[in-house]
Amino acid sequence: MLAARNQEKKKMKTAVYYDNFLLRGSSLKNTDWIIGLVVHTGHQTRIMMNSTGSKAKLSRIEKLMNIMILYIFILQLFLCLIAAAYGTVWEDINEGTATYLELGR
């Protein structure tokens, strides 16, 4: 009898309709248990192809500020390099004459 019952269950077919689908990002609530089936997932599905990130929208002033900050950073880097080179040359020239700086200790 148990074998006959298992055969009946194997022959039973159930159709899957669009109303039975849970799309990406949705959640199921107030349910004790479910039986799930994964249907064609991946990057080529319609929902994944339509879920591209939006472009960052910047105003004209924000774009100008970004460029100015980049210029200021490059200018400061250039000035630091010049000051470091000048300080190294000055220390080599004034090695023993600037005793008030106490560089030799």
PDB file of N, CA and C in Angstrom:
ATOM      1  N   MET A   1       0.818  -1.188   0.000  1.00  0.00           N
ATOM      2  CA  MET A   1       0.000   0.000   0.000  1.00  0.00           C
ATOM      3  C   MET A   1       0.870   1.263   0.000  1.00  0.00           C
ATOM      4  N   LEU A   2       1.962   1.226   0.768  1.00  0.00           N
ATOM      5  CA  LEU A   2       2.863   2.369   0.830  1.00  0.00           C
ATOM      6  C   LEU A   2       3.513   2.620  -0.531  1.00  0.00           C
ATOM      7  N   ALA A   3       3.846   1.572  -1.231  1.00  0.00           N
ATOM      8  CA  ALA A   3       4.448   1.703  -2.555  1.00  0.00           C
ATOM      9  C   ALA A   3       3.466   2.322  -3.535  1.00  0.00           C
ATOM     10  N   ALA A   4       2.212   1.971  -3.452  1.00  0.00           N
ATOM     11  CA  ALA A   4       1.193   2.528  -4.347  1.00  0.00           C
ATOM     12  C   ALA A   4       1.003   4.022  -4.070  1.00  0.00           C
ATOM     13  N   ARG A   5       1.067   4.394  -2.813  1.00  0.00           N
ATOM     14  CA  ARG A   5       0.913   5.807  -2.441  1.00  0.00           C
ATOM     15  C   ARG A   5       2.089   6.642  -2.978  1.00  0.00           C
ATOM     16  N   ASN A   6       3.316   6.088  -2.882  1.00  0.00           N
ATOM     17  CA  ASN A   6       4.489   6.788  -3.413  1.00  0.00           C
ATOM     18  C   ASN A   6       4.394   6.936  -4.924  1.00  0.00           C
ATOM     19  N   GLN A   7       3.863   5.947  -5.611  1.00  0.00           N
ATOM     20  CA  GLN A   7       3.707   6.027  -7.060  1.00  0.00           C
ATOM     21  C   GLN A   7       2.725   7.144  -7.430  1.00  0.00           C
ATOM     22  N   GLU A   8       1.653   7.298  -6.649  1.00  0.00           N
ATOM     23  CA  GLU A   8       0.684   8.356  -6.912  1.00  0.00           C
ATOM     24  C   GLU A   8       1.309   9.729  -6.736  1.00  0.00           C
ATOM     25  N   LYS A   9       2.154   9.869  -5.726  1.00  0.00           N
ATOM     26  CA  LYS A   9       2.825  11.152  -5.491  1.00  0.00           C
ATOM     27  C   LYS A   9       3.793  11.474  -6.612  1.00  0.00           C
ATOM     28  N   LYS A  10       4.474  10.480  -7.144  1.00  0.00           N
ATOM     29  CA  LYS A  10       5.430  10.716  -8.219  1.00  0.00           C
ATOM     30  C   LYS A  10       4.728  11.151  -9.494  1.00  0.00           C
ATOM     31  N   LYS A  11       3.513  10.646  -9.728  1.00  0.00           N
ATOM     32  CA  LYS A  11       2.796  10.967 -10.950  1.00  0.00           C
ATOM     33  C   LYS A  11       2.092  12.313 -10.874  1.00  0.00           C
ATOM     34  N   MET A  12       1.902  12.848  -9.690  1.00  0.00           N
ATOM     35  CA  MET A  12       1.193  14.103  -9.527  1.00  0.00           C
ATOM     36  C   MET A  12       2.034  15.258 -10.086  1.00  0.00           C
ATOM     37  N   LYS A  13       1.455  16.063 -10.952  1.00  0.00           N
ATOM     38  CA  LYS A  13       2.157  17.197 -11.550  1.00  0.00           C
ATOM     39  C   LYS A  13       1.475  18.489 -11.134  1.00  0.00           C
ATOM     40  N   THR A  14       2.283  19.488 -10.898  1.00  0.00           N
ATOM     41  CA  THR A  14       1.760  20.794 -10.515  1.00  0.00           C
ATOM     42  C   THR A  14       2.372  21.843 -11.422  1.00  0.00           C
ATOM     43  N   ALA A  15       1.557  22.704 -11.954  1.00  0.00           N
ATOM     44  CA  ALA A  15       2.053  23.768 -12.828  1.00  0.00           C
ATOM     45  C   ALA A  15       2.543  24.943 -11.980  1.00  0.00           C
ATOM     46  N   VAL A  16       3.522  25.645 -12.492  1.00  0.00           N
ATOM     47  CA  VAL A  16       4.048  26.832 -11.820  1.00  0.00           C
ATOM     48  C   VAL A  16       3.669  28.032 -12.673  1.00  0.00           C
ATOM     49  N   TYR A  17       2.895  28.932 -12.094  1.00  0.00           N
ATOM     50  CA  TYR A  17       2.431  30.118 -12.801  1.00  0.00           C
ATOM     51  C   TYR A  17       3.178  31.344 -12.295  1.00  0.00           C
ATOM     52  N   TYR A  18       2.994  32.432 -13.003  1.00  0.00           N
ATOM     53  CA  TYR A  18       3.661  33.687 -12.634  1.00  0.00           C
ATOM     54  C   TYR A  18       3.211  34.179 -11.266  1.00  0.00           C
ATOM     55  N   ASP A  19       1.992  33.852 -10.874  1.00  0.00           N
ATOM     56  CA  ASP A  19       1.485  34.259  -9.561  1.00  0.00           C
ATOM     57  C   ASP A  19       2.205  33.554  -8.426  1.00  0.00           C
ATOM     58  N   ASN A  20       2.883  32.444  -8.716  1.00  0.00           N
ATOM     59  CA  ASN A  20       3.562  31.668  -7.691  1.00  0.00           C
ATOM     60  C   ASN A  20       5.032  32.054  -7.516  1.00  0.00           C
ATOM     61  N   PHE A  21       5.504  33.044  -8.254  1.00  0.00           N
ATOM     62  CA  PHE A  21       6.921  33.403  -8.210  1.00  0.00           C
ATOM     63  C   PHE A  21       7.178  34.476  -7.162  1.00  0.00           C
ATOM     64  N   LEU A  22       8.332  34.386  -6.535  1.00  0.00           N
ATOM     65  CA  LEU A  22       8.852  35.465  -5.698  1.00  0.00           C
ATOM     66  C   LEU A  22      10.070  36.021  -6.409  1.00  0.00           C
ATOM     67  N   LEU A  23      10.015  37.269  -6.783  1.00  0.00           N
ATOM     68  CA  LEU A  23      11.120  37.870  -7.506  1.00  0.00           C
ATOM     69  C   LEU A  23      12.236  38.281  -6.562  1.00  0.00           C
ATOM     70  N   ARG A  24      13.370  38.595  -7.127  1.00  0.00           N
ATOM     71  CA  ARG A  24      14.548  38.974  -6.354  1.00  0.00           C
ATOM     72  C   ARG A  24      14.228  40.176  -5.469  1.00  0.00           C
ATOM     73  N   GLY A  25      14.596  40.073  -4.204  1.00  0.00           N
ATOM     74  CA  GLY A  25      14.408  41.179  -3.274  1.00  0.00           C
ATOM     75  C   GLY A  25      13.093  41.132  -2.530  1.00  0.00           C
ATOM     76  N   SER A  26      12.195  40.256  -2.913  1.00  0.00           N
ATOM     77  CA  SER A  26      10.918  40.177  -2.194  1.00  0.00           C
ATOM     78  C   SER A  26      11.031  39.196  -1.036  1.00  0.00           C
ATOM     79  N   SER A  27      10.124  39.301  -0.089  1.00  0.00           N
ATOM     80  CA  SER A  27      10.156  38.422   1.076  1.00  0.00           C
ATOM     81  C   SER A  27       8.771  37.836   1.318  1.00  0.00           C
ATOM     82  N   LEU A  28       8.757  36.670   1.937  1.00  0.00           N
ATOM     83  CA  LEU A  28       7.522  35.958   2.222  1.00  0.00           C
ATOM     84  C   LEU A  28       7.277  36.006   3.725  1.00  0.00           C
ATOM     85  N   LYS A  29       6.086  36.434   4.149  1.00  0.00           N
ATOM     86  CA  LYS A  29       5.793  36.584   5.573  1.00  0.00           C
ATOM     87  C   LYS A  29       4.568  35.755   5.941  1.00  0.00           C
ATOM     88  N   ASN A  30       4.393  35.557   7.242  1.00  0.00           N
ATOM     89  CA  ASN A  30       3.243  34.831   7.799  1.00  0.00           C
ATOM     90  C   ASN A  30       3.104  33.426   7.210  1.00  0.00           C
ATOM     91  N   THR A  31       4.230  32.723   7.099  1.00  0.00           N
ATOM     92  CA  THR A  31       4.233  31.378   6.540  1.00  0.00           C
ATOM     93  C   THR A  31       5.087  30.482   7.425  1.00  0.00           C
ATOM     94  N   ASP A  32       4.562  29.314   7.767  1.00  0.00           N
ATOM     95  CA  ASP A  32       5.327  28.378   8.585  1.00  0.00           C
ATOM     96  C   ASP A  32       6.422  27.690   7.776  1.00  0.00           C
ATOM     97  N   TRP A  33       6.108  27.277   6.563  1.00  0.00           N
ATOM     98  CA  TRP A  33       7.090  26.595   5.727  1.00  0.00           C
ATOM     99  C   TRP A  33       6.721  26.770   4.259  1.00  0.00           C
ATOM    100  N   ILE A  34       7.704  26.600   3.386  1.00  0.00           N
ATOM    101  CA  ILE A  34       7.469  26.687   1.947  1.00  0.00           C
ATOM    102  C   ILE A  34       8.308  25.630   1.244  1.00  0.00           C
ATOM    103  N   ILE A  35       7.941  25.338   0.034  1.00  0.00           N
ATOM    104  CA  ILE A  35       8.746  24.491  -0.849  1.00  0.00           C
ATOM    105  C   ILE A  35       9.191  25.409  -1.975  1.00  0.00           C
ATOM    106  N   GLY A  36      10.490  25.510  -2.183  1.00  0.00           N
ATOM    107  CA  GLY A  36      10.998  26.454  -3.157  1.00  0.00           C
ATOM    108  C   GLY A  36      11.631  25.787  -4.362  1.00  0.00           C
ATOM    109  N   LEU A  37      11.638  26.507  -5.464  1.00  0.00           N
ATOM    110  CA  LEU A  37      12.237  26.058  -6.701  1.00  0.00           C
ATOM    111  C   LEU A  37      12.943  27.251  -7.323  1.00  0.00           C
ATOM    112  N   VAL A  38      14.210  27.103  -7.667  1.00  0.00           N
ATOM    113  CA  VAL A  38      14.974  28.189  -8.274  1.00  0.00           C
ATOM    114  C   VAL A  38      14.819  28.085  -9.782  1.00  0.00           C
ATOM    115  N   VAL A  39      14.383  29.184 -10.392  1.00  0.00           N
ATOM    116  CA  VAL A  39      14.122  29.186 -11.825  1.00  0.00           C
ATOM    117  C   VAL A  39      15.018  30.215 -12.487  1.00  0.00           C
ATOM    118  N   HIS A  40      15.922  29.771 -13.331  1.00  0.00           N
ATOM    119  CA  HIS A  40      16.812  30.596 -14.165  1.00  0.00           C
ATOM    120  C   HIS A  40      17.328  31.833 -13.430  1.00  0.00           C
ATOM    121  N   THR A  41      18.340  31.624 -12.634  1.00  0.00           N
ATOM    122  CA  THR A  41      18.965  32.749 -11.940  1.00  0.00           C
ATOM    123  C   THR A  41      20.276  33.064 -12.635  1.00  0.00           C
ATOM    124  N   GLY A  42      20.775  34.227 -12.423  1.00  0.00           N
ATOM    125  CA  GLY A  42      22.060  34.609 -12.995  1.00  0.00           C
ATOM    126  C   GLY A  42      22.025  36.033 -13.508  1.00  0.00           C
ATOM    127  N   HIS A  43      23.072  36.407 -14.208  1.00  0.00           N
ATOM    128  CA  HIS A  43      23.220  37.785 -14.681  1.00  0.00           C
ATOM    129  C   HIS A  43      22.439  38.058 -15.959  1.00  0.00           C
ATOM    130  N   GLN A  44      21.960  37.026 -16.630  1.00  0.00           N
ATOM    131  CA  GLN A  44      21.240  37.239 -17.874  1.00  0.00           C
ATOM    132  C   GLN A  44      19.722  37.315 -17.686  1.00  0.00           C
ATOM    133  N   THR A  45      19.240  37.266 -16.460  1.00  0.00           N
ATOM    134  CA  THR A  45      17.803  37.392 -16.240  1.00  0.00           C
ATOM    135  C   THR A  45      17.377  38.843 -16.380  1.00  0.00           C
ATOM    136  N   ARG A  46      16.120  39.057 -16.656  1.00  0.00           N
ATOM    137  CA  ARG A  46      15.607  40.399 -16.895  1.00  0.00           C
ATOM    138  C   ARG A  46      15.774  41.290 -15.670  1.00  0.00           C
ATOM    139  N   ILE A  47      15.520  40.744 -14.511  1.00  0.00           N
ATOM    140  CA  ILE A  47      15.581  41.560 -13.292  1.00  0.00           C
ATOM    141  C   ILE A  47      17.020  41.967 -12.974  1.00  0.00           C
ATOM    142  N   MET A  48      17.990  41.108 -13.270  1.00  0.00           N
ATOM    143  CA  MET A  48      19.397  41.462 -13.020  1.00  0.00           C
ATOM    144  C   MET A  48      19.897  42.473 -14.053  1.00  0.00           C
ATOM    145  N   MET A  49      19.431  42.350 -15.287  1.00  0.00           N
ATOM    146  CA  MET A  49      19.878  43.284 -16.322  1.00  0.00           C
ATOM    147  C   MET A  49      19.297  44.681 -16.108  1.00  0.00           C
ATOM    148  N   ASN A  50      18.134  44.767 -15.455  1.00  0.00           N
ATOM    149  CA  ASN A  50      17.511  46.065 -15.192  1.00  0.00           C
ATOM    150  C   ASN A  50      17.945  46.674 -13.866  1.00  0.00           C
ATOM    151  N   SER A  51      18.714  45.961 -13.073  1.00  0.00           N
ATOM    152  CA  SER A  51      19.096  46.468 -11.754  1.00  0.00           C
ATOM    153  C   SER A  51      20.497  47.072 -11.758  1.00  0.00           C
ATOM    154  N   THR A  52      20.795  47.890 -12.737  1.00  0.00           N
ATOM    155  CA  THR A  52      22.098  48.554 -12.786  1.00  0.00           C
ATOM    156  C   THR A  52      22.101  49.734 -11.820  1.00  0.00           C
ATOM    157  N   GLY A  53      23.274  50.062 -11.321  1.00  0.00           N
ATOM    158  CA  GLY A  53      23.400  51.189 -10.402  1.00  0.00           C
ATOM    159  C   GLY A  53      23.201  52.501 -11.127  1.00  0.00           C
ATOM    160  N   SER A  54      22.653  53.456 -10.438  1.00  0.00           N
ATOM    161  CA  SER A  54      22.422  54.756 -11.053  1.00  0.00           C
ATOM    162  C   SER A  54      23.703  55.579 -11.047  1.00  0.00           C
ATOM    163  N   LYS A  55      23.792  56.471 -12.007  1.00  0.00           N
ATOM    164  CA  LYS A  55      24.942  57.359 -12.088  1.00  0.00           C
ATOM    165  C   LYS A  55      24.890  58.379 -10.964  1.00  0.00           C
ATOM    166  N   ALA A  56      26.054  58.691 -10.437  1.00  0.00           N
ATOM    167  CA  ALA A  56      26.115  59.712  -9.395  1.00  0.00           C
ATOM    168  C   ALA A  56      25.841  61.074 -10.035  1.00  0.00           C
ATOM    169  N   LYS A  57      24.884  61.790  -9.485  1.00  0.00           N
ATOM    170  CA  LYS A  57      24.526  63.090 -10.033  1.00  0.00           C
ATOM    171  C   LYS A  57      25.239  64.172  -9.240  1.00  0.00           C
ATOM    172  N   LEU A  58      26.069  64.933  -9.935  1.00  0.00           N
ATOM    173  CA  LEU A  58      26.804  66.026  -9.317  1.00  0.00           C
ATOM    174  C   LEU A  58      26.423  67.325 -10.002  1.00  0.00           C
ATOM    175  N   SER A  59      26.293  68.378  -9.221  1.00  0.00           N
ATOM    176  CA  SER A  59      26.009  69.675  -9.814  1.00  0.00           C
ATOM    177  C   SER A  59      27.295  70.246 -10.406  1.00  0.00           C
ATOM    178  N   ARG A  60      27.150  71.310 -11.136  1.00  0.00           N
ATOM    179  CA  ARG A  60      28.298  71.954 -11.760  1.00  0.00           C
ATOM    180  C   ARG A  60      29.277  72.455 -10.702  1.00  0.00           C
ATOM    181  N   ILE A  61      28.755  72.968  -9.599  1.00  0.00           N
ATOM    182  CA  ILE A  61      29.609  73.482  -8.519  1.00  0.00           C
ATOM    183  C   ILE A  61      30.377  72.329  -7.860  1.00  0.00           C
ATOM    184  N   GLU A  62      29.722  71.180  -7.667  1.00  0.00           N
ATOM    185  CA  GLU A  62      30.411  70.034  -7.063  1.00  0.00           C
ATOM    186  C   GLU A  62      31.529  69.519  -7.961  1.00  0.00           C
ATOM    187  N   LYS A  63      31.292  69.496  -9.266  1.00  0.00           N
ATOM    188  CA  LYS A  63      32.340  69.076 -10.202  1.00  0.00           C
ATOM    189  C   LYS A  63      33.517  70.045 -10.155  1.00  0.00           C
ATOM    190  N   LEU A  64      33.211  71.347 -10.121  1.00  0.00           N
ATOM    191  CA  LEU A  64      34.259  72.365 -10.053  1.00  0.00           C
ATOM    192  C   LEU A  64      35.043  72.256  -8.746  1.00  0.00           C
ATOM    193  N   MET A  65      34.355  72.008  -7.644  1.00  0.00           N
ATOM    194  CA  MET A  65      35.028  71.847  -6.348  1.00  0.00           C
ATOM    195  C   MET A  65      35.950  70.623  -6.359  1.00  0.00           C
ATOM    196  N   ASN A  66      35.506  69.534  -6.959  1.00  0.00           N
ATOM    197  CA  ASN A  66      36.353  68.344  -7.042  1.00  0.00           C
ATOM    198  C   ASN A  66      37.631  68.627  -7.818  1.00  0.00           C
ATOM    199  N   ILE A  67      37.513  69.351  -8.914  1.00  0.00           N
ATOM    200  CA  ILE A  67      38.700  69.700  -9.708  1.00  0.00           C
ATOM    201  C   ILE A  67      39.613  70.627  -8.914  1.00  0.00           C
ATOM    202  N   MET A  68      39.041  71.608  -8.216  1.00  0.00           N
ATOM    203  CA  MET A  68      39.851  72.540  -7.418  1.00  0.00           C
ATOM    204  C   MET A  68      40.573  71.817  -6.285  1.00  0.00           C
ATOM    205  N   ILE A  69      39.902  70.884  -5.635  1.00  0.00           N
ATOM    206  CA  ILE A  69      40.550  70.119  -4.558  1.00  0.00           C
ATOM    207  C   ILE A  69      41.713  69.305  -5.108  1.00  0.00           C
ATOM    208  N   LEU A  70      41.539  68.738  -6.278  1.00  0.00           N
ATOM    209  CA  LEU A  70      42.635  67.986  -6.906  1.00  0.00           C
ATOM    210  C   LEU A  70      43.813  68.914  -7.210  1.00  0.00           C
ATOM    211  N   TYR A  71      43.543  70.096  -7.763  1.00  0.00           N
ATOM    212  CA  TYR A  71      44.611  71.062  -8.036  1.00  0.00           C
ATOM    213  C   TYR A  71      45.325  71.488  -6.753  1.00  0.00           C
ATOM    214  N   ILE A  72      44.575  71.741  -5.697  1.00  0.00           N
ATOM    215  CA  ILE A  72      45.178  72.152  -4.422  1.00  0.00           C
ATOM    216  C   ILE A  72      46.057  71.036  -3.871  1.00  0.00           C
ATOM    217  N   PHE A  73      45.600  69.795  -3.962  1.00  0.00           N
ATOM    218  CA  PHE A  73      46.407  68.672  -3.483  1.00  0.00           C
ATOM    219  C   PHE A  73      47.710  68.561  -4.261  1.00  0.00           C
ATOM    220  N   ILE A  74      47.654  68.681  -5.576  1.00  0.00           N
ATOM    221  CA  ILE A  74      48.869  68.597  -6.403  1.00  0.00           C
ATOM    222  C   ILE A  74      49.804  69.762  -6.081  1.00  0.00           C
ATOM    223  N   LEU A  75      49.263  70.969  -5.894  1.00  0.00           N
ATOM    224  CA  LEU A  75      50.083  72.127  -5.545  1.00  0.00           C
ATOM    225  C   LEU A  75      50.768  71.930  -4.195  1.00  0.00           C
ATOM    226  N   GLN A  76      50.040  71.427  -3.200  1.00  0.00           N
ATOM    227  CA  GLN A  76      50.642  71.193  -1.886  1.00  0.00           C
ATOM    228  C   GLN A  76      51.728  70.121  -1.947  1.00  0.00           C
ATOM    229  N   LEU A  77      51.498  69.097  -2.716  1.00  0.00           N
ATOM    230  CA  LEU A  77      52.508  68.054  -2.886  1.00  0.00           C
ATOM    231  C   LEU A  77      53.780  68.626  -3.524  1.00  0.00           C
ATOM    232  N   PHE A  78      53.592  69.446  -4.547  1.00  0.00           N
ATOM    233  CA  PHE A  78      54.719  70.080  -5.216  1.00  0.00           C
ATOM    234  C   PHE A  78      55.479  71.012  -4.261  1.00  0.00           C
ATOM    235  N   LEU A  79      54.758  71.803  -3.467  1.00  0.00           N
ATOM    236  CA  LEU A  79      55.407  72.712  -2.520  1.00  0.00           C
ATOM    237  C   LEU A  79      56.146  71.944  -1.417  1.00  0.00           C
ATOM    238  N   CYS A  80      55.595  70.839  -0.961  1.00  0.00           N
ATOM    239  CA  CYS A  80      56.278  70.023   0.047  1.00  0.00           C
ATOM    240  C   CYS A  80      57.574  69.440  -0.500  1.00  0.00           C
ATOM    241  N   LEU A  81      57.546  68.989  -1.747  1.00  0.00           N
ATOM    242  CA  LEU A  81      58.766  68.451  -2.355  1.00  0.00           C
ATOM    243  C   LEU A  81      59.838  69.524  -2.495  1.00  0.00           C
ATOM    244  N   ILE A  82      59.440  70.720  -2.902  1.00  0.00           N
ATOM    245  CA  ILE A  82      60.398  71.830  -3.016  1.00  0.00           C
ATOM    246  C   ILE A  82      60.961  72.187  -1.639  1.00  0.00           C
ATOM    247  N   ALA A  83      60.110  72.270  -0.621  1.00  0.00           N
ATOM    248  CA  ALA A  83      60.569  72.614   0.727  1.00  0.00           C
ATOM    249  C   ALA A  83      61.488  71.537   1.283  1.00  0.00           C
ATOM    250  N   ALA A  84      61.207  70.268   1.027  1.00  0.00           N
ATOM    251  CA  ALA A  84      62.072  69.185   1.505  1.00  0.00           C
ATOM    252  C   ALA A  84      63.435  69.242   0.824  1.00  0.00           C
ATOM    253  N   ALA A  85      63.453  69.506  -0.482  1.00  0.00           N
ATOM    254  CA  ALA A  85      64.727  69.612  -1.200  1.00  0.00           C
ATOM    255  C   ALA A  85      65.519  70.818  -0.704  1.00  0.00           C
ATOM    256  N   TYR A  86      64.865  71.963  -0.529  1.00  0.00           N
ATOM    257  CA  TYR A  86      65.542  73.160  -0.040  1.00  0.00           C
ATOM    258  C   TYR A  86      66.081  72.940   1.370  1.00  0.00           C
ATOM    259  N   GLY A  87      65.286  72.306   2.249  1.00  0.00           N
ATOM    260  CA  GLY A  87      65.741  72.048   3.614  1.00  0.00           C
ATOM    261  C   GLY A  87      66.947  71.123   3.652  1.00  0.00           C
ATOM    262  N   THR A  88      66.984  70.123   2.798  1.00  0.00           N
ATOM    263  CA  THR A  88      68.135  69.217   2.744  1.00  0.00           C
ATOM    264  C   THR A  88      69.387  69.953   2.287  1.00  0.00           C
ATOM    265  N   VAL A  89      69.253  70.764   1.250  1.00  0.00           N
ATOM    266  CA  VAL A  89      70.403  71.535   0.758  1.00  0.00           C
ATOM    267  C   VAL A  89      70.854  72.539   1.817  1.00  0.00           C
ATOM    268  N   TRP A  90      69.923  73.208   2.501  1.00  0.00           N
ATOM    269  CA  TRP A  90      70.280  74.195   3.516  1.00  0.00           C
ATOM    270  C   TRP A  90      71.010  73.533   4.683  1.00  0.00           C
ATOM    271  N   GLU A  91      70.580  72.337   5.107  1.00  0.00           N
ATOM    272  CA  GLU A  91      71.269  71.628   6.187  1.00  0.00           C
ATOM    273  C   GLU A  91      72.685  71.254   5.795  1.00  0.00           C
ATOM    274  N   ASP A  92      72.879  70.837   4.551  1.00  0.00           N
ATOM    275  CA  ASP A  92      74.234  70.490   4.098  1.00  0.00           C
ATOM    276  C   ASP A  92      75.142  71.721   4.077  1.00  0.00           C
ATOM    277  N   ILE A  93      74.615  72.864   3.672  1.00  0.00           N
ATOM    278  CA  ILE A  93      75.430  74.080   3.593  1.00  0.00           C
ATOM    279  C   ILE A  93      75.710  74.631   4.988  1.00  0.00           C
ATOM    280  N   ASN A  94      74.743  74.672   5.878  1.00  0.00           N
ATOM    281  CA  ASN A  94      74.859  75.287   7.201  1.00  0.00           C
ATOM    282  C   ASN A  94      74.994  74.241   8.301  1.00  0.00           C
ATOM    283  N   GLU A  95      75.791  73.223   8.078  1.00  0.00           N
ATOM    284  CA  GLU A  95      75.862  72.111   9.021  1.00  0.00           C
ATOM    285  C   GLU A  95      76.371  72.532  10.409  1.00  0.00           C
ATOM    286  N   GLY A  96      77.418  73.308  10.477  1.00  0.00           N
ATOM    287  CA  GLY A  96      77.977  73.660  11.776  1.00  0.00           C
ATOM    288  C   GLY A  96      77.734  75.088  12.192  1.00  0.00           C
ATOM    289  N   THR A  97      77.160  75.902  11.325  1.00  0.00           N
ATOM    290  CA  THR A  97      77.041  77.329  11.629  1.00  0.00           C
ATOM    291  C   THR A  97      75.765  77.702  12.385  1.00  0.00           C
ATOM    292  N   ALA A  98      74.727  76.914  12.299  1.00  0.00           N
ATOM    293  CA  ALA A  98      73.462  77.242  12.964  1.00  0.00           C
ATOM    294  C   ALA A  98      73.362  76.480  14.270  1.00  0.00           C
ATOM    295  N   THR A  99      74.167  76.897  15.274  1.00  0.00           N
ATOM    296  CA  THR A  99      74.195  76.179  16.558  1.00  0.00           C
ATOM    297  C   THR A  99      72.919  76.408  17.358  1.00  0.00           C
ATOM    298  N   TYR A 100      72.222  77.484  17.112  1.00  0.00           N
ATOM    299  CA  TYR A 100      71.000  77.757  17.856  1.00  0.00           C
ATOM    300  C   TYR A 100      69.880  76.761  17.528  1.00  0.00           C
ATOM    301  N   LEU A 101      70.007  76.027  16.405  1.00  0.00           N
ATOM    302  CA  LEU A 101      68.989  75.036  16.048  1.00  0.00           C
ATOM    303  C   LEU A 101      69.279  73.671  16.697  1.00  0.00           C
ATOM    304  N   GLU A 102      70.485  73.459  17.182  1.00  0.00           N
ATOM    305  CA  GLU A 102      70.894  72.208  17.804  1.00  0.00           C
ATOM    306  C   GLU A 102      70.631  71.017  16.901  1.00  0.00           C
ATOM    307  N   LEU A 103      71.092  71.104  15.644  1.00  0.00           N
ATOM    308  CA  LEU A 103      70.884  70.038  14.662  1.00  0.00           C
ATOM    309  C   LEU A 103      71.816  68.869  14.861  1.00  0.00           C
ATOM    310  N   GLY A 104      72.976  69.073  15.476  1.00  0.00           N
ATOM    311  CA  GLY A 104      73.972  68.007  15.604  1.00  0.00           C
ATOM    312  C   GLY A 104      73.667  67.023  16.693  1.00  0.00           C
ATOM    313  N   ARG A 105      72.769  67.269  17.571  1.00  0.00           N
ATOM    314  CA  ARG A 105      72.533  66.371  18.715  1.00  0.00           C
ATOM    315  C   ARG A 105      71.696  65.209  18.380  1.00  0.00           C
TER     316      ARG A 105
END
